């Protein structure tokens, strides 16, 4: 039987972390790892005795379902981060080329 500290491959959570009542969300910072955004299954110590394990697991499942679009948004943001510099370089190159061609025509006709 798995303990509350290790479920669905989530890392162990220190007692200090559990004591402050925060709920850890995994996978929210890495852009290229491709992992899902999930909630840590370790119940904060402040909730022990107030919420049953089944209620806590149901809550975590609901949060995991609500966080699924975050993984897709992360991919969209990564695409934007890659597309923006490429677009900048292409438009800059087109601007320089068009300026060079129009300047050449102006100087060729200047006598």
N, C-alpha and C. Protein backbone atom coordinates (compact mmCIF):
# COMPACT_ATOMS: atom_id res chain seq x y z
N UNK A 1 0.84 -1.18 0.00
CA UNK A 1 0.00 0.00 0.00
C UNK A 1 0.89 1.24 0.00
N UNK A 2 0.54 2.20 -0.85
CA UNK A 2 1.31 3.44 -0.96
C UNK A 2 0.91 4.41 0.14
N UNK A 3 1.89 5.17 0.59
CA UNK A 3 1.58 6.17 1.60
C UNK A 3 1.05 7.42 0.92
N UNK A 4 0.56 8.37 1.71
CA UNK A 4 0.08 9.64 1.17
C UNK A 4 1.20 10.46 0.54
N UNK A 5 2.46 10.14 0.91
CA UNK A 5 3.58 10.93 0.40
C UNK A 5 4.00 10.52 -1.00
N UNK A 6 3.61 9.35 -1.50
CA UNK A 6 4.10 8.93 -2.80
C UNK A 6 2.96 8.26 -3.56
N UNK A 7 2.25 9.02 -4.36
CA UNK A 7 1.16 8.49 -5.17
C UNK A 7 1.29 9.07 -6.57
N UNK A 8 1.04 8.26 -7.57
CA UNK A 8 1.10 8.67 -8.97
C UNK A 8 2.45 9.24 -9.35
N UNK A 9 3.53 8.72 -8.76
CA UNK A 9 4.86 9.13 -9.16
C UNK A 9 5.28 10.50 -8.69
N UNK A 10 4.55 11.10 -7.77
CA UNK A 10 4.94 12.42 -7.28
C UNK A 10 6.03 12.26 -6.23
N UNK A 11 6.96 13.19 -6.13
CA UNK A 11 8.05 13.08 -5.16
C UNK A 11 7.56 13.16 -3.72
N UNK A 12 8.42 12.73 -2.82
CA UNK A 12 8.11 12.84 -1.40
C UNK A 12 8.07 14.30 -1.00
N UNK A 13 7.19 14.61 -0.07
CA UNK A 13 7.04 15.98 0.39
C UNK A 13 7.51 16.04 1.84
N UNK A 14 8.35 17.01 2.13
CA UNK A 14 8.93 17.11 3.45
C UNK A 14 7.86 17.46 4.48
N UNK A 15 8.10 17.10 5.76
CA UNK A 15 7.13 17.45 6.82
C UNK A 15 6.94 18.96 6.95
N UNK A 16 8.01 19.73 6.73
CA UNK A 16 7.88 21.19 6.82
C UNK A 16 6.90 21.71 5.77
N UNK A 17 6.98 21.15 4.59
CA UNK A 17 6.08 21.56 3.51
C UNK A 17 4.64 21.21 3.84
N UNK A 18 4.43 20.02 4.36
CA UNK A 18 3.07 19.56 4.68
C UNK A 18 2.47 20.39 5.80
N UNK A 19 3.31 20.90 6.70
CA UNK A 19 2.81 21.64 7.86
C UNK A 19 2.25 23.00 7.50
N UNK A 20 2.71 23.59 6.37
CA UNK A 20 2.26 24.95 6.08
C UNK A 20 0.92 25.00 5.33
N UNK A 21 0.40 23.87 4.90
CA UNK A 21 -0.92 23.84 4.28
C UNK A 21 -0.93 24.11 2.79
N UNK A 22 0.24 24.30 2.18
CA UNK A 22 0.28 24.54 0.74
C UNK A 22 0.05 23.25 -0.03
N UNK A 23 -0.53 23.38 -1.20
CA UNK A 23 -0.72 22.24 -2.09
C UNK A 23 0.22 22.45 -3.26
N UNK A 24 1.14 21.50 -3.46
CA UNK A 24 2.15 21.62 -4.52
C UNK A 24 1.54 21.20 -5.86
N UNK A 25 1.86 21.95 -6.89
CA UNK A 25 1.43 21.63 -8.25
C UNK A 25 2.67 21.31 -9.05
N UNK A 26 2.74 20.08 -9.57
CA UNK A 26 3.90 19.63 -10.34
C UNK A 26 3.70 19.89 -11.82
N UNK A 27 4.79 20.12 -12.52
CA UNK A 27 4.76 20.27 -13.96
C UNK A 27 4.38 21.65 -14.45
N UNK A 28 4.34 22.65 -13.59
CA UNK A 28 3.91 23.97 -14.02
C UNK A 28 5.07 24.83 -14.51
N UNK A 29 6.31 24.44 -14.23
CA UNK A 29 7.44 25.29 -14.59
C UNK A 29 8.22 24.81 -15.80
N UNK A 30 8.25 23.52 -16.06
CA UNK A 30 9.03 23.01 -17.18
C UNK A 30 8.29 23.18 -18.49
N UNK A 31 8.94 23.78 -19.48
CA UNK A 31 8.28 23.97 -20.77
C UNK A 31 8.48 22.79 -21.70
N UNK A 32 9.62 22.16 -21.64
CA UNK A 32 9.95 21.14 -22.63
C UNK A 32 9.83 19.71 -22.11
N UNK A 33 9.44 19.52 -20.86
CA UNK A 33 9.44 18.16 -20.33
C UNK A 33 8.24 17.35 -20.77
N UNK A 34 7.16 17.98 -21.20
CA UNK A 34 5.99 17.27 -21.72
C UNK A 34 5.15 16.59 -20.66
N UNK A 35 5.45 16.79 -19.40
CA UNK A 35 4.67 16.15 -18.35
C UNK A 35 3.37 16.92 -18.10
N UNK A 36 2.42 16.22 -17.53
CA UNK A 36 1.15 16.86 -17.21
C UNK A 36 1.29 17.73 -15.97
N UNK A 37 0.39 18.66 -15.82
CA UNK A 37 0.34 19.48 -14.62
C UNK A 37 -0.58 18.75 -13.65
N UNK A 38 -0.03 18.37 -12.49
CA UNK A 38 -0.79 17.59 -11.52
C UNK A 38 -0.60 18.15 -10.12
N UNK A 39 -1.48 17.72 -9.23
CA UNK A 39 -1.45 18.15 -7.83
C UNK A 39 -0.76 17.06 -7.01
N UNK A 40 0.06 17.49 -6.06
CA UNK A 40 0.68 16.53 -5.13
C UNK A 40 -0.41 15.86 -4.31
N UNK A 41 -0.27 14.57 -4.12
CA UNK A 41 -1.30 13.81 -3.40
C UNK A 41 -1.11 13.82 -1.89
N UNK A 42 -0.04 14.39 -1.40
CA UNK A 42 0.19 14.43 0.04
C UNK A 42 -0.75 15.45 0.68
N UNK A 43 -1.54 14.99 1.60
CA UNK A 43 -2.49 15.87 2.27
C UNK A 43 -1.74 16.77 3.25
N UNK A 44 -1.98 18.07 3.19
CA UNK A 44 -1.35 18.96 4.17
C UNK A 44 -1.78 18.58 5.58
N UNK A 45 -0.85 18.71 6.51
CA UNK A 45 -1.11 18.30 7.89
C UNK A 45 -2.29 19.05 8.50
N UNK A 46 -2.50 20.26 8.07
CA UNK A 46 -3.60 21.07 8.63
C UNK A 46 -4.97 20.49 8.28
N UNK A 47 -5.02 19.68 7.22
CA UNK A 47 -6.30 19.09 6.81
C UNK A 47 -6.52 17.69 7.38
N UNK A 48 -5.48 17.08 7.92
CA UNK A 48 -5.64 15.72 8.46
C UNK A 48 -6.64 15.73 9.61
N UNK A 49 -7.56 14.80 9.55
CA UNK A 49 -8.61 14.72 10.56
C UNK A 49 -9.83 15.56 10.22
N UNK A 50 -9.68 16.47 9.28
CA UNK A 50 -10.82 17.30 8.86
C UNK A 50 -11.39 16.85 7.52
N UNK A 51 -10.53 16.22 6.73
CA UNK A 51 -10.93 15.74 5.40
C UNK A 51 -10.52 14.28 5.32
N UNK A 52 -11.41 13.44 4.83
CA UNK A 52 -11.07 12.02 4.70
C UNK A 52 -10.14 11.82 3.50
N UNK A 53 -9.48 10.68 3.50
CA UNK A 53 -8.55 10.37 2.39
C UNK A 53 -9.29 10.29 1.07
N UNK A 54 -10.48 9.72 1.07
CA UNK A 54 -11.24 9.62 -0.19
C UNK A 54 -11.67 11.02 -0.67
N UNK A 55 -12.08 11.89 0.27
CA UNK A 55 -12.43 13.26 -0.13
C UNK A 55 -11.21 14.00 -0.68
N UNK A 56 -10.07 13.80 -0.04
CA UNK A 56 -8.84 14.45 -0.49
C UNK A 56 -8.46 13.97 -1.89
N UNK A 57 -8.54 12.64 -2.11
CA UNK A 57 -8.20 12.09 -3.43
C UNK A 57 -9.17 12.59 -4.49
N UNK A 58 -10.45 12.69 -4.16
CA UNK A 58 -11.43 13.22 -5.10
C UNK A 58 -11.12 14.69 -5.43
N UNK A 59 -10.76 15.45 -4.41
CA UNK A 59 -10.38 16.85 -4.60
C UNK A 59 -9.16 16.95 -5.53
N UNK A 60 -8.16 16.10 -5.29
CA UNK A 60 -6.96 16.11 -6.14
C UNK A 60 -7.29 15.71 -7.57
N UNK A 61 -8.17 14.71 -7.73
CA UNK A 61 -8.60 14.31 -9.08
C UNK A 61 -9.31 15.45 -9.80
N UNK A 62 -10.17 16.16 -9.07
CA UNK A 62 -10.88 17.31 -9.66
C UNK A 62 -9.89 18.41 -10.07
N UNK A 63 -8.89 18.66 -9.22
CA UNK A 63 -7.88 19.67 -9.56
C UNK A 63 -7.05 19.23 -10.76
N UNK A 64 -6.69 17.95 -10.80
CA UNK A 64 -5.93 17.45 -11.96
C UNK A 64 -6.72 17.65 -13.25
N UNK A 65 -8.01 17.37 -13.21
CA UNK A 65 -8.85 17.57 -14.40
C UNK A 65 -8.93 19.05 -14.77
N UNK A 66 -9.02 19.91 -13.75
CA UNK A 66 -9.10 21.35 -14.02
C UNK A 66 -7.78 21.91 -14.55
N UNK A 67 -6.68 21.25 -14.21
CA UNK A 67 -5.35 21.73 -14.64
C UNK A 67 -4.92 21.18 -15.99
N UNK A 68 -5.67 20.26 -16.57
CA UNK A 68 -5.30 19.69 -17.87
C UNK A 68 -5.08 20.77 -18.95
N UNK A 69 -5.94 21.81 -19.04
CA UNK A 69 -5.69 22.84 -20.05
C UNK A 69 -4.37 23.59 -19.83
N UNK A 70 -3.83 23.56 -18.62
CA UNK A 70 -2.56 24.26 -18.36
C UNK A 70 -1.42 23.63 -19.14
N UNK A 71 -1.44 22.32 -19.33
CA UNK A 71 -0.40 21.65 -20.12
C UNK A 71 -0.48 22.09 -21.58
N UNK A 72 -1.70 22.22 -22.09
CA UNK A 72 -1.87 22.66 -23.47
C UNK A 72 -1.43 24.12 -23.61
N UNK A 73 -1.77 24.95 -22.63
CA UNK A 73 -1.36 26.35 -22.67
C UNK A 73 0.16 26.48 -22.62
N UNK A 74 0.80 25.59 -21.89
CA UNK A 74 2.26 25.61 -21.82
C UNK A 74 2.86 25.35 -23.20
N UNK A 75 2.26 24.43 -23.97
CA UNK A 75 2.75 24.15 -25.32
C UNK A 75 2.52 25.35 -26.25
N UNK A 76 1.38 26.02 -26.09
CA UNK A 76 1.10 27.21 -26.90
C UNK A 76 2.12 28.31 -26.59
N UNK A 77 2.43 28.48 -25.30
CA UNK A 77 3.41 29.49 -24.91
C UNK A 77 4.79 29.16 -25.46
N UNK A 78 5.16 27.88 -25.45
CA UNK A 78 6.45 27.47 -26.01
C UNK A 78 6.49 27.76 -27.50
N UNK A 79 5.39 27.49 -28.19
CA UNK A 79 5.33 27.80 -29.62
C UNK A 79 5.48 29.29 -29.87
N UNK A 80 4.85 30.11 -29.04
CA UNK A 80 4.98 31.56 -29.18
C UNK A 80 6.38 32.04 -28.89
N UNK A 81 7.02 31.42 -27.90
CA UNK A 81 8.39 31.82 -27.57
C UNK A 81 9.35 31.48 -28.69
N UNK A 82 9.06 30.45 -29.45
CA UNK A 82 9.91 30.08 -30.58
C UNK A 82 9.55 30.91 -31.81
N UNK A 83 8.27 31.13 -32.04
CA UNK A 83 7.83 31.84 -33.24
C UNK A 83 8.17 33.33 -33.22
N UNK A 84 8.16 33.95 -32.06
CA UNK A 84 8.41 35.39 -31.98
C UNK A 84 9.80 35.78 -32.47
N UNK A 85 10.87 35.16 -32.02
CA UNK A 85 12.19 35.54 -32.55
C UNK A 85 12.35 35.22 -34.03
N UNK A 86 11.77 34.11 -34.48
CA UNK A 86 11.86 33.77 -35.90
C UNK A 86 11.14 34.83 -36.74
N UNK A 87 9.96 35.24 -36.29
CA UNK A 87 9.21 36.28 -37.01
C UNK A 87 9.99 37.58 -37.02
N UNK A 88 10.62 37.93 -35.91
CA UNK A 88 11.41 39.15 -35.84
C UNK A 88 12.57 39.11 -36.84
N UNK A 89 13.28 38.00 -36.91
CA UNK A 89 14.41 37.87 -37.82
C UNK A 89 13.94 37.96 -39.27
N UNK A 90 12.85 37.30 -39.61
CA UNK A 90 12.35 37.32 -40.98
C UNK A 90 11.93 38.74 -41.38
N UNK A 91 11.16 39.42 -40.54
CA UNK A 91 10.73 40.78 -40.88
C UNK A 91 11.90 41.75 -40.93
N UNK A 92 12.88 41.57 -40.07
CA UNK A 92 14.07 42.42 -40.11
C UNK A 92 14.83 42.21 -41.41
N UNK A 93 14.99 40.97 -41.82
CA UNK A 93 15.69 40.67 -43.07
C UNK A 93 14.93 41.25 -44.26
N UNK A 94 13.63 41.10 -44.28
CA UNK A 94 12.83 41.66 -45.38
C UNK A 94 12.96 43.18 -45.41
N UNK A 95 12.96 43.83 -44.25
CA UNK A 95 13.09 45.29 -44.19
C UNK A 95 14.44 45.74 -44.74
N UNK A 96 15.51 45.07 -44.32
CA UNK A 96 16.84 45.45 -44.81
C UNK A 96 16.98 45.22 -46.31
N UNK A 97 16.44 44.13 -46.79
CA UNK A 97 16.53 43.84 -48.24
C UNK A 97 15.74 44.86 -49.03
N UNK A 98 14.53 45.18 -48.60
CA UNK A 98 13.72 46.15 -49.35
C UNK A 98 14.36 47.54 -49.27
N UNK A 99 14.93 47.91 -48.12
CA UNK A 99 15.61 49.20 -48.01
C UNK A 99 16.83 49.25 -48.92
N UNK A 100 17.60 48.16 -48.95
CA UNK A 100 18.79 48.13 -49.80
C UNK A 100 18.41 48.24 -51.28
N UNK A 101 17.34 47.57 -51.68
CA UNK A 101 16.92 47.63 -53.09
C UNK A 101 16.41 49.01 -53.45
N UNK A 102 15.63 49.64 -52.56
CA UNK A 102 15.10 50.97 -52.88
C UNK A 102 16.23 52.01 -52.83
N UNK A 103 17.19 51.86 -51.95
CA UNK A 103 18.31 52.79 -51.89
C UNK A 103 19.17 52.67 -53.13
N UNK A 104 19.37 51.45 -53.60
CA UNK A 104 20.18 51.23 -54.81
C UNK A 104 19.54 51.91 -56.00
N UNK A 105 18.21 51.81 -56.12
CA UNK A 105 17.51 52.47 -57.22
C UNK A 105 17.64 53.99 -57.11
N UNK A 106 17.55 54.53 -55.91
CA UNK A 106 17.66 55.98 -55.71
C UNK A 106 19.05 56.48 -56.09
N UNK A 107 20.07 55.74 -55.70
CA UNK A 107 21.44 56.16 -56.00
C UNK A 107 21.80 55.93 -57.45
N UNK A 108 21.20 54.93 -58.12
CA UNK A 108 21.47 54.70 -59.53
C UNK A 108 20.91 55.83 -60.38
N UNK A 109 19.80 56.42 -59.98
CA UNK A 109 19.19 57.51 -60.73
C UNK A 109 19.73 58.88 -60.35
N UNK A 110 20.66 58.97 -59.45
CA UNK A 110 21.17 60.23 -58.94
C UNK A 110 22.41 60.64 -59.72
N UNK A 111 22.28 61.56 -60.56
CA UNK A 111 23.41 62.03 -61.39
C UNK A 111 23.69 63.45 -61.16
